[in-house]
Amino acid sequence: LLPSYLSPHFNHQHYSELESFEEQIFLEDTVFDKVKNFLSSSYLLILFVGYLSQRNYIDIMIFIIIFNILALILVSLFIRFSKQKITKSWRKRDLYL
């Protein structure tokens, strides 16, 4: 009882390492797996549609390169907005450094 009484009391709940670890597993299982599955299936779809429409190999590769550039831009924007949102929520906490 004494250590809990001496520990500082905060206004906001702080996550333990276990809860943070569980959230990380949840993120990896849902968001990142969906992104990986989407990219894999989209590459197969691009190759399949290119084959059915009898496009040249160079046309298919140019389209895949353009698709990769657009995917990179979208993922980087998603990461930037997520980082801003997380930083904003952490600044509201007591122990923000």
PDB file of N, CA and C in Angstrom:
ATOM      1  N   LEU A   1       0.827  -1.193   0.000  1.00  0.00           N
ATOM      2  CA  LEU A   1       0.000   0.000   0.000  1.00  0.00           C
ATOM      3  C   LEU A   1       0.869   1.253   0.000  1.00  0.00           C
ATOM      4  N   LEU A   2       1.979   1.220   0.704  1.00  0.00           N
ATOM      5  CA  LEU A   2       2.831   2.394   0.790  1.00  0.00           C
ATOM      6  C   LEU A   2       3.441   2.787  -0.562  1.00  0.00           C
ATOM      7  N   PRO A   3       3.983   1.875  -1.368  1.00  0.00           N
ATOM      8  CA  PRO A   3       4.517   2.299  -2.664  1.00  0.00           C
ATOM      9  C   PRO A   3       3.458   2.910  -3.573  1.00  0.00           C
ATOM     10  N   SER A   4       2.251   2.382  -3.539  1.00  0.00           N
ATOM     11  CA  SER A   4       1.216   2.968  -4.385  1.00  0.00           C
ATOM     12  C   SER A   4       0.813   4.348  -3.880  1.00  0.00           C
ATOM     13  N   TYR A   5       0.885   4.564  -2.588  1.00  0.00           N
ATOM     14  CA  TYR A   5       0.560   5.875  -2.038  1.00  0.00           C
ATOM     15  C   TYR A   5       1.646   6.889  -2.388  1.00  0.00           C
ATOM     16  N   LEU A   6       2.889   6.451  -2.424  1.00  0.00           N
ATOM     17  CA  LEU A   6       3.991   7.357  -2.719  1.00  0.00           C
ATOM     18  C   LEU A   6       4.153   7.629  -4.206  1.00  0.00           C
ATOM     19  N   SER A   7       3.633   6.764  -5.030  1.00  0.00           N
ATOM     20  CA  SER A   7       3.777   6.983  -6.470  1.00  0.00           C
ATOM     21  C   SER A   7       2.945   8.185  -6.886  1.00  0.00           C
ATOM     22  N   PRO A   8       3.375   8.880  -7.927  1.00  0.00           N
ATOM     23  CA  PRO A   8       2.626  10.074  -8.344  1.00  0.00           C
ATOM     24  C   PRO A   8       1.258   9.698  -8.907  1.00  0.00           C
ATOM     25  N   HIS A   9       0.322  10.567  -8.719  1.00  0.00           N
ATOM     26  CA  HIS A   9      -1.021  10.357  -9.245  1.00  0.00           C
ATOM     27  C   HIS A   9      -1.202  11.298 -10.430  1.00  0.00           C
ATOM     28  N   PHE A  10      -1.658  10.734 -11.524  1.00  0.00           N
ATOM     29  CA  PHE A  10      -1.780  11.500 -12.759  1.00  0.00           C
ATOM     30  C   PHE A  10      -3.243  11.732 -13.095  1.00  0.00           C
ATOM     31  N   ASN A  11      -3.454  12.710 -13.950  1.00  0.00           N
ATOM     32  CA  ASN A  11      -4.817  13.005 -14.384  1.00  0.00           C
ATOM     33  C   ASN A  11      -5.309  12.028 -15.438  1.00  0.00           C
ATOM     34  N   HIS A  12      -4.390  11.511 -16.245  1.00  0.00           N
ATOM     35  CA  HIS A  12      -4.754  10.620 -17.337  1.00  0.00           C
ATOM     36  C   HIS A  12      -4.180   9.241 -17.088  1.00  0.00           C
ATOM     37  N   GLN A  13      -4.849   8.256 -17.652  1.00  0.00           N
ATOM     38  CA  GLN A  13      -4.375   6.882 -17.504  1.00  0.00           C
ATOM     39  C   GLN A  13      -3.186   6.661 -18.431  1.00  0.00           C
ATOM     40  N   HIS A  14      -2.148   6.048 -17.905  1.00  0.00           N
ATOM     41  CA  HIS A  14      -0.975   5.727 -18.703  1.00  0.00           C
ATOM     42  C   HIS A  14      -0.957   4.235 -18.957  1.00  0.00           C
ATOM     43  N   TYR A  15      -0.556   3.870 -20.160  1.00  0.00           N
ATOM     44  CA  TYR A  15      -0.578   2.462 -20.535  1.00  0.00           C
ATOM     45  C   TYR A  15       0.642   1.742 -19.987  1.00  0.00           C
ATOM     46  N   SER A  16       0.439   0.511 -19.632  1.00  0.00           N
ATOM     47  CA  SER A  16       1.568  -0.313 -19.209  1.00  0.00           C
ATOM     48  C   SER A  16       2.232  -0.895 -20.445  1.00  0.00           C
ATOM     49  N   GLU A  17       3.369  -1.531 -20.235  1.00  0.00           N
ATOM     50  CA  GLU A  17       4.072  -2.125 -21.367  1.00  0.00           C
ATOM     51  C   GLU A  17       3.256  -3.247 -21.985  1.00  0.00           C
ATOM     52  N   LEU A  18       2.547  -3.994 -21.179  1.00  0.00           N
ATOM     53  CA  LEU A  18       1.745  -5.097 -21.693  1.00  0.00           C
ATOM     54  C   LEU A  18       0.615  -4.583 -22.575  1.00  0.00           C
ATOM     55  N   GLU A  19      -0.071  -3.534 -22.150  1.00  0.00           N
ATOM     56  CA  GLU A  19      -1.155  -2.985 -22.956  1.00  0.00           C
ATOM     57  C   GLU A  19      -0.620  -2.409 -24.254  1.00  0.00           C
ATOM     58  N   SER A  20       0.520  -1.758 -24.201  1.00  0.00           N
ATOM     59  CA  SER A  20       1.131  -1.224 -25.409  1.00  0.00           C
ATOM     60  C   SER A  20       1.502  -2.358 -26.350  1.00  0.00           C
ATOM     61  N   PHE A  21       2.027  -3.449 -25.794  1.00  0.00           N
ATOM     62  CA  PHE A  21       2.389  -4.607 -26.600  1.00  0.00           C
ATOM     63  C   PHE A  21       1.155  -5.217 -27.249  1.00  0.00           C
ATOM     64  N   GLU A  22       0.056  -5.312 -26.502  1.00  0.00           N
ATOM     65  CA  GLU A  22      -1.180  -5.859 -27.061  1.00  0.00           C
ATOM     66  C   GLU A  22      -1.719  -4.966 -28.168  1.00  0.00           C
ATOM     67  N   GLU A  23      -1.623  -3.654 -28.003  1.00  0.00           N
ATOM     68  CA  GLU A  23      -2.070  -2.753 -29.053  1.00  0.00           C
ATOM     69  C   GLU A  23      -1.205  -2.902 -30.292  1.00  0.00           C
ATOM     70  N   GLN A  24       0.105  -3.105 -30.110  1.00  0.00           N
ATOM     71  CA  GLN A  24       0.998  -3.283 -31.246  1.00  0.00           C
ATOM     72  C   GLN A  24       0.642  -4.556 -32.012  1.00  0.00           C
ATOM     73  N   ILE A  25       0.338  -5.630 -31.292  1.00  0.00           N
ATOM     74  CA  ILE A  25      -0.057  -6.877 -31.953  1.00  0.00           C
ATOM     75  C   ILE A  25      -1.357  -6.672 -32.722  1.00  0.00           C
ATOM     76  N   PHE A  26      -2.298  -5.932 -32.135  1.00  0.00           N
ATOM     77  CA  PHE A  26      -3.566  -5.658 -32.805  1.00  0.00           C
ATOM     78  C   PHE A  26      -3.331  -4.871 -34.085  1.00  0.00           C
ATOM     79  N   LEU A  27      -2.450  -3.863 -34.022  1.00  0.00           N
ATOM     80  CA  LEU A  27      -2.145  -3.077 -35.210  1.00  0.00           C
ATOM     81  C   LEU A  27      -1.515  -3.940 -36.291  1.00  0.00           C
ATOM     82  N   GLU A  28      -0.553  -4.779 -35.903  1.00  0.00           N
ATOM     83  CA  GLU A  28       0.115  -5.617 -36.884  1.00  0.00           C
ATOM     84  C   GLU A  28      -0.846  -6.618 -37.496  1.00  0.00           C
ATOM     85  N   ASP A  29      -1.766  -7.139 -36.700  1.00  0.00           N
ATOM     86  CA  ASP A  29      -2.691  -8.144 -37.208  1.00  0.00           C
ATOM     87  C   ASP A  29      -3.744  -7.548 -38.125  1.00  0.00           C
ATOM     88  N   THR A  30      -4.154  -6.335 -37.892  1.00  0.00           N
ATOM     89  CA  THR A  30      -5.251  -5.794 -38.682  1.00  0.00           C
ATOM     90  C   THR A  30      -4.769  -4.861 -39.782  1.00  0.00           C
ATOM     91  N   VAL A  31      -4.181  -3.756 -39.426  1.00  0.00           N
ATOM     92  CA  VAL A  31      -3.862  -2.725 -40.405  1.00  0.00           C
ATOM     93  C   VAL A  31      -2.764  -3.174 -41.358  1.00  0.00           C
ATOM     94  N   PHE A  32      -1.650  -3.650 -40.816  1.00  0.00           N
ATOM     95  CA  PHE A  32      -0.519  -3.980 -41.670  1.00  0.00           C
ATOM     96  C   PHE A  32      -0.786  -5.214 -42.520  1.00  0.00           C
ATOM     97  N   ASP A  33      -1.503  -6.185 -41.990  1.00  0.00           N
ATOM     98  CA  ASP A  33      -1.852  -7.360 -42.790  1.00  0.00           C
ATOM     99  C   ASP A  33      -2.797  -6.990 -43.930  1.00  0.00           C
ATOM    100  N   LYS A  34      -3.728  -6.092 -43.662  1.00  0.00           N
ATOM    101  CA  LYS A  34      -4.641  -5.665 -44.723  1.00  0.00           C
ATOM    102  C   LYS A  34      -3.895  -4.920 -45.823  1.00  0.00           C
ATOM    103  N   VAL A  35      -2.937  -4.081 -45.452  1.00  0.00           N
ATOM    104  CA  VAL A  35      -2.156  -3.354 -46.452  1.00  0.00           C
ATOM    105  C   VAL A  35      -1.330  -4.331 -47.280  1.00  0.00           C
ATOM    106  N   LYS A  36      -0.674  -5.291 -46.618  1.00  0.00           N
ATOM    107  CA  LYS A  36       0.125  -6.279 -47.355  1.00  0.00           C
ATOM    108  C   LYS A  36      -0.747  -7.118 -48.280  1.00  0.00           C
ATOM    109  N   ASN A  37      -1.901  -7.542 -47.806  1.00  0.00           N
ATOM    110  CA  ASN A  37      -2.797  -8.337 -48.644  1.00  0.00           C
ATOM    111  C   ASN A  37      -3.325  -7.528 -49.821  1.00  0.00           C
ATOM    112  N   PHE A  38      -3.634  -6.255 -49.589  1.00  0.00           N
ATOM    113  CA  PHE A  38      -4.109  -5.398 -50.674  1.00  0.00           C
ATOM    114  C   PHE A  38      -3.033  -5.219 -51.734  1.00  0.00           C
ATOM    115  N   LEU A  39      -1.795  -4.957 -51.315  1.00  0.00           N
ATOM    116  CA  LEU A  39      -0.727  -4.767 -52.292  1.00  0.00           C
ATOM    117  C   LEU A  39      -0.459  -6.040 -53.085  1.00  0.00           C
ATOM    118  N   SER A  40      -0.433  -7.169 -52.421  1.00  0.00           N
ATOM    119  CA  SER A  40      -0.195  -8.437 -53.123  1.00  0.00           C
ATOM    120  C   SER A  40      -1.295  -8.733 -54.133  1.00  0.00           C
ATOM    121  N   SER A  41      -2.529  -8.572 -53.715  1.00  0.00           N
ATOM    122  CA  SER A  41      -3.635  -8.850 -54.633  1.00  0.00           C
ATOM    123  C   SER A  41      -3.698  -7.831 -55.764  1.00  0.00           C
ATOM    124  N   SER A  42      -3.317  -6.582 -55.499  1.00  0.00           N
ATOM    125  CA  SER A  42      -3.350  -5.583 -56.566  1.00  0.00           C
ATOM    126  C   SER A  42      -2.273  -5.855 -57.609  1.00  0.00           C
ATOM    127  N   TYR A  43      -1.094  -6.338 -57.192  1.00  0.00           N
ATOM    128  CA  TYR A  43      -0.067  -6.704 -58.169  1.00  0.00           C
ATOM    129  C   TYR A  43      -0.547  -7.853 -59.052  1.00  0.00           C
ATOM    130  N   LEU A  44      -1.161  -8.853 -58.440  1.00  0.00           N
ATOM    131  CA  LEU A  44      -1.683  -9.971 -59.229  1.00  0.00           C
ATOM    132  C   LEU A  44      -2.785  -9.509 -60.171  1.00  0.00           C
ATOM    133  N   LEU A  45      -3.638  -8.612 -59.705  1.00  0.00           N
ATOM    134  CA  LEU A  45      -4.709  -8.093 -60.547  1.00  0.00           C
ATOM    135  C   LEU A  45      -4.146  -7.288 -61.716  1.00  0.00           C
ATOM    136  N   ILE A  46      -3.131  -6.472 -61.463  1.00  0.00           N
ATOM    137  CA  ILE A  46      -2.511  -5.688 -62.537  1.00  0.00           C
ATOM    138  C   ILE A  46      -1.915  -6.617 -63.588  1.00  0.00           C
ATOM    139  N   LEU A  47      -1.188  -7.639 -63.145  1.00  0.00           N
ATOM    140  CA  LEU A  47      -0.589  -8.580 -64.096  1.00  0.00           C
ATOM    141  C   LEU A  47      -1.661  -9.354 -64.862  1.00  0.00           C
ATOM    142  N   PHE A  48      -2.718  -9.763 -64.179  1.00  0.00           N
ATOM    143  CA  PHE A  48      -3.785 -10.527 -64.823  1.00  0.00           C
ATOM    144  C   PHE A  48      -4.524  -9.686 -65.861  1.00  0.00           C
ATOM    145  N   VAL A  49      -4.886  -8.455 -65.501  1.00  0.00           N
ATOM    146  CA  VAL A  49      -5.589  -7.575 -66.439  1.00  0.00           C
ATOM    147  C   VAL A  49      -4.679  -7.215 -67.609  1.00  0.00           C
ATOM    148  N   GLY A  50      -3.402  -6.989 -67.335  1.00  0.00           N
ATOM    149  CA  GLY A  50      -2.459  -6.712 -68.416  1.00  0.00           C
ATOM    150  C   GLY A  50      -2.310  -7.884 -69.365  1.00  0.00           C
ATOM    151  N   TYR A  51      -2.318  -9.091 -68.818  1.00  0.00           N
ATOM    152  CA  TYR A  51      -2.225 -10.291 -69.658  1.00  0.00           C
ATOM    153  C   TYR A  51      -3.491 -10.476 -70.489  1.00  0.00           C
ATOM    154  N   LEU A  52      -4.662 -10.271 -69.865  1.00  0.00           N
ATOM    155  CA  LEU A  52      -5.917 -10.436 -70.603  1.00  0.00           C
ATOM    156  C   LEU A  52      -6.087  -9.384 -71.690  1.00  0.00           C
ATOM    157  N   SER A  53      -5.620  -8.173 -71.435  1.00  0.00           N
ATOM    158  CA  SER A  53      -5.750  -7.115 -72.444  1.00  0.00           C
ATOM    159  C   SER A  53      -4.593  -7.130 -73.435  1.00  0.00           C
ATOM    160  N   GLN A  54      -3.706  -8.101 -73.303  1.00  0.00           N
ATOM    161  CA  GLN A  54      -2.573  -8.312 -74.208  1.00  0.00           C
ATOM    162  C   GLN A  54      -1.694  -7.065 -74.329  1.00  0.00           C
ATOM    163  N   ARG A  55      -1.377  -6.502 -73.180  1.00  0.00           N
ATOM    164  CA  ARG A  55      -0.483  -5.336 -73.141  1.00  0.00           C
ATOM    165  C   ARG A  55       0.967  -5.799 -73.184  1.00  0.00           C
ATOM    166  N   ASN A  56       1.845  -4.898 -73.579  1.00  0.00           N
ATOM    167  CA  ASN A  56       3.279  -5.199 -73.580  1.00  0.00           C
ATOM    168  C   ASN A  56       3.785  -5.311 -72.152  1.00  0.00           C
ATOM    169  N   TYR A  57       4.900  -5.998 -72.010  1.00  0.00           N
ATOM    170  CA  TYR A  57       5.541  -6.135 -70.701  1.00  0.00           C
ATOM    171  C   TYR A  57       5.956  -4.770 -70.165  1.00  0.00           C
ATOM    172  N   ILE A  58       6.430  -3.903 -71.037  1.00  0.00           N
ATOM    173  CA  ILE A  58       6.874  -2.564 -70.618  1.00  0.00           C
ATOM    174  C   ILE A  58       5.685  -1.744 -70.108  1.00  0.00           C
ATOM    175  N   ASP A  59       4.536  -1.843 -70.769  1.00  0.00           N
ATOM    176  CA  ASP A  59       3.341  -1.116 -70.309  1.00  0.00           C
ATOM    177  C   ASP A  59       2.920  -1.563 -68.912  1.00  0.00           C
ATOM    178  N   ILE A  60       2.970  -2.870 -68.683  1.00  0.00           N
ATOM    179  CA  ILE A  60       2.591  -3.397 -67.369  1.00  0.00           C
ATOM    180  C   ILE A  60       3.572  -2.920 -66.305  1.00  0.00           C
ATOM    181  N   MET A  61       4.857  -2.947 -66.606  1.00  0.00           N
ATOM    182  CA  MET A  61       5.863  -2.506 -65.635  1.00  0.00           C
ATOM    183  C   MET A  61       5.745  -1.008 -65.348  1.00  0.00           C
ATOM    184  N   ILE A  62       5.460  -0.204 -66.362  1.00  0.00           N
ATOM    185  CA  ILE A  62       5.274   1.240 -66.147  1.00  0.00           C
ATOM    186  C   ILE A  62       4.062   1.477 -65.243  1.00  0.00           C
ATOM    187  N   PHE A  63       2.982   0.734 -65.470  1.00  0.00           N
ATOM    188  CA  PHE A  63       1.802   0.884 -64.622  1.00  0.00           C
ATOM    189  C   PHE A  63       2.096   0.456 -63.187  1.00  0.00           C
ATOM    190  N   ILE A  64       2.867  -0.617 -63.014  1.00  0.00           N
ATOM    191  CA  ILE A  64       3.227  -1.063 -61.663  1.00  0.00           C
ATOM    192  C   ILE A  64       4.105  -0.026 -60.972  1.00  0.00           C
ATOM    193  N   ILE A  65       5.023   0.594 -61.707  1.00  0.00           N
ATOM    194  CA  ILE A  65       5.872   1.638 -61.124  1.00  0.00           C
ATOM    195  C   ILE A  65       5.022   2.831 -60.691  1.00  0.00           C
ATOM    196  N   ILE A  66       4.091   3.251 -61.538  1.00  0.00           N
ATOM    197  CA  ILE A  66       3.202   4.366 -61.180  1.00  0.00           C
ATOM    198  C   ILE A  66       2.348   3.995 -59.968  1.00  0.00           C
ATOM    199  N   PHE A  67       1.858   2.760 -59.938  1.00  0.00           N
ATOM    200  CA  PHE A  67       1.074   2.289 -58.798  1.00  0.00           C
ATOM    201  C   PHE A  67       1.905   2.306 -57.520  1.00  0.00           C
ATOM    202  N   ASN A  68       3.170   1.883 -57.607  1.00  0.00           N
ATOM    203  CA  ASN A  68       4.052   1.895 -56.432  1.00  0.00           C
ATOM    204  C   ASN A  68       4.299   3.310 -55.927  1.00  0.00           C
ATOM    205  N   ILE A  69       4.485   4.243 -56.837  1.00  0.00           N
ATOM    206  CA  ILE A  69       4.712   5.636 -56.435  1.00  0.00           C
ATOM    207  C   ILE A  69       3.471   6.193 -55.732  1.00  0.00           C
ATOM    208  N   LEU A  70       2.287   5.930 -56.296  1.00  0.00           N
ATOM    209  CA  LEU A  70       1.051   6.399 -55.656  1.00  0.00           C
ATOM    210  C   LEU A  70       0.835   5.735 -54.298  1.00  0.00           C
ATOM    211  N   ALA A  71       1.129   4.446 -54.205  1.00  0.00           N
ATOM    212  CA  ALA A  71       0.987   3.747 -52.920  1.00  0.00           C
ATOM    213  C   ALA A  71       1.961   4.309 -51.896  1.00  0.00           C
ATOM    214  N   LEU A  72       3.181   4.621 -52.313  1.00  0.00           N
ATOM    215  CA  LEU A  72       4.168   5.208 -51.406  1.00  0.00           C
ATOM    216  C   LEU A  72       3.706   6.568 -50.896  1.00  0.00           C
ATOM    217  N   ILE A  73       3.139   7.377 -51.774  1.00  0.00           N
ATOM    218  CA  ILE A  73       2.636   8.692 -51.366  1.00  0.00           C
ATOM    219  C   ILE A  73       1.485   8.538 -50.370  1.00  0.00           C
ATOM    220  N   LEU A  74       0.555   7.628 -50.657  1.00  0.00           N
ATOM    221  CA  LEU A  74      -0.580   7.432 -49.753  1.00  0.00           C
ATOM    222  C   LEU A  74      -0.144   6.889 -48.398  1.00  0.00           C
ATOM    223  N   VAL A  75       0.783   5.951 -48.390  1.00  0.00           N
ATOM    224  CA  VAL A  75       1.255   5.393 -47.120  1.00  0.00           C
ATOM    225  C   VAL A  75       2.012   6.443 -46.317  1.00  0.00           C
ATOM    226  N   SER A  76       2.826   7.262 -46.992  1.00  0.00           N
ATOM    227  CA  SER A  76       3.562   8.301 -46.262  1.00  0.00           C
ATOM    228  C   SER A  76       2.610   9.348 -45.690  1.00  0.00           C
ATOM    229  N   LEU A  77       1.551   9.695 -46.418  1.00  0.00           N
ATOM    230  CA  LEU A  77       0.553  10.626 -45.874  1.00  0.00           C
ATOM    231  C   LEU A  77      -0.179  10.014 -44.690  1.00  0.00           C
ATOM    232  N   PHE A  78      -0.514   8.734 -44.778  1.00  0.00           N
ATOM    233  CA  PHE A  78      -1.174   8.046 -43.671  1.00  0.00           C
ATOM    234  C   PHE A  78      -0.284   8.030 -42.436  1.00  0.00           C
ATOM    235  N   ILE A  79       0.995   7.768 -42.625  1.00  0.00           N
ATOM    236  CA  ILE A  79       1.933   7.752 -41.496  1.00  0.00           C
ATOM    237  C   ILE A  79       2.060   9.143 -40.893  1.00  0.00           C
ATOM    238  N   ARG A  80       2.149  10.163 -41.731  1.00  0.00           N
ATOM    239  CA  ARG A  80       2.279  11.536 -41.229  1.00  0.00           C
ATOM    240  C   ARG A  80       1.056  11.947 -40.412  1.00  0.00           C
ATOM    241  N   PHE A  81      -0.150  11.675 -40.939  1.00  0.00           N
ATOM    242  CA  PHE A  81      -1.366  12.046 -40.205  1.00  0.00           C
ATOM    243  C   PHE A  81      -1.512  11.236 -38.922  1.00  0.00           C
ATOM    244  N   SER A  82      -1.140   9.967 -38.966  1.00  0.00           N
ATOM    245  CA  SER A  82      -1.200   9.144 -37.754  1.00  0.00           C
ATOM    246  C   SER A  82      -0.229   9.658 -36.709  1.00  0.00           C
ATOM    247  N   LYS A  83       0.959  10.032 -37.143  1.00  0.00           N
ATOM    248  CA  LYS A  83       1.958  10.553 -36.212  1.00  0.00           C
ATOM    249  C   LYS A  83       1.483  11.857 -35.579  1.00  0.00           C
ATOM    250  N   GLN A  84       0.885  12.735 -36.374  1.00  0.00           N
ATOM    251  CA  GLN A  84       0.369  13.991 -35.829  1.00  0.00           C
ATOM    252  C   GLN A  84      -0.740  13.737 -34.815  1.00  0.00           C
ATOM    253  N   LYS A  85      -1.618  12.800 -35.122  1.00  0.00           N
ATOM    254  CA  LYS A  85      -2.722  12.499 -34.210  1.00  0.00           C
ATOM    255  C   LYS A  85      -2.209  11.898 -32.911  1.00  0.00           C
ATOM    256  N   ILE A  86      -1.254  10.980 -32.998  1.00  0.00           N
ATOM    257  CA  ILE A  86      -0.696  10.356 -31.797  1.00  0.00           C
ATOM    258  C   ILE A  86       0.068  11.382 -30.971  1.00  0.00           C
ATOM    259  N   THR A  87       0.844  12.242 -31.624  1.00  0.00           N
ATOM    260  CA  THR A  87       1.591  13.276 -30.909  1.00  0.00           C
ATOM    261  C   THR A  87       0.641  14.236 -30.208  1.00  0.00           C
ATOM    262  N   LYS A  88      -0.440  14.582 -30.875  1.00  0.00           N
ATOM    263  CA  LYS A  88      -1.420  15.482 -30.269  1.00  0.00           C
ATOM    264  C   LYS A  88      -2.050  14.857 -29.029  1.00  0.00           C
ATOM    265  N   SER A  89      -2.365  13.558 -29.090  1.00  0.00           N
ATOM    266  CA  SER A  89      -2.960  12.910 -27.921  1.00  0.00           C
ATOM    267  C   SER A  89      -1.941  12.746 -26.799  1.00  0.00           C
ATOM    268  N   TRP A  90      -0.667  12.531 -27.132  1.00  0.00           N
ATOM    269  CA  TRP A  90       0.350  12.387 -26.088  1.00  0.00           C
ATOM    270  C   TRP A  90       0.668  13.713 -25.412  1.00  0.00           C
ATOM    271  N   ARG A  91       0.515  14.811 -26.115  1.00  0.00           N
ATOM    272  CA  ARG A  91       0.774  16.117 -25.489  1.00  0.00           C
ATOM    273  C   ARG A  91      -0.264  16.456 -24.428  1.00  0.00           C
ATOM    274  N   LYS A  92      -1.409  15.825 -24.502  1.00  0.00           N
ATOM    275  CA  LYS A  92      -2.444  16.049 -23.492  1.00  0.00           C
ATOM    276  C   LYS A  92      -2.157  15.285 -22.208  1.00  0.00           C
ATOM    277  N   ARG A  93      -1.231  14.360 -22.243  1.00  0.00           N
ATOM    278  CA  ARG A  93      -0.929  13.537 -21.068  1.00  0.00           C
ATOM    279  C   ARG A  93       0.005  14.278 -20.117  1.00  0.00           C
ATOM    280  N   ASP A  94       0.220  13.675 -18.962  1.00  0.00           N
ATOM    281  CA  ASP A  94       1.023  14.313 -17.922  1.00  0.00           C
ATOM    282  C   ASP A  94       2.523  14.205 -18.173  1.00  0.00           C
ATOM    283  N   LEU A  95       2.966  13.106 -18.711  1.00  0.00           N
ATOM    284  CA  LEU A  95       4.403  12.852 -18.817  1.00  0.00           C
ATOM    285  C   LEU A  95       4.941  13.048 -20.223  1.00  0.00           C
ATOM    286  N   TYR A  96       4.442  14.006 -20.970  1.00  0.00           N
ATOM    287  CA  TYR A  96       4.953  14.246 -22.313  1.00  0.00           C
ATOM    288  C   TYR A  96       6.301  14.951 -22.214  1.00  0.00           C
ATOM    289  N   LEU A  97       7.292  14.431 -22.912  1.00  0.00           N
ATOM    290  CA  LEU A  97       8.634  15.035 -22.866  1.00  0.00           C
ATOM    291  C   LEU A  97       8.857  15.930 -24.040  1.00  0.00           C
TER     292      LEU A  97
END
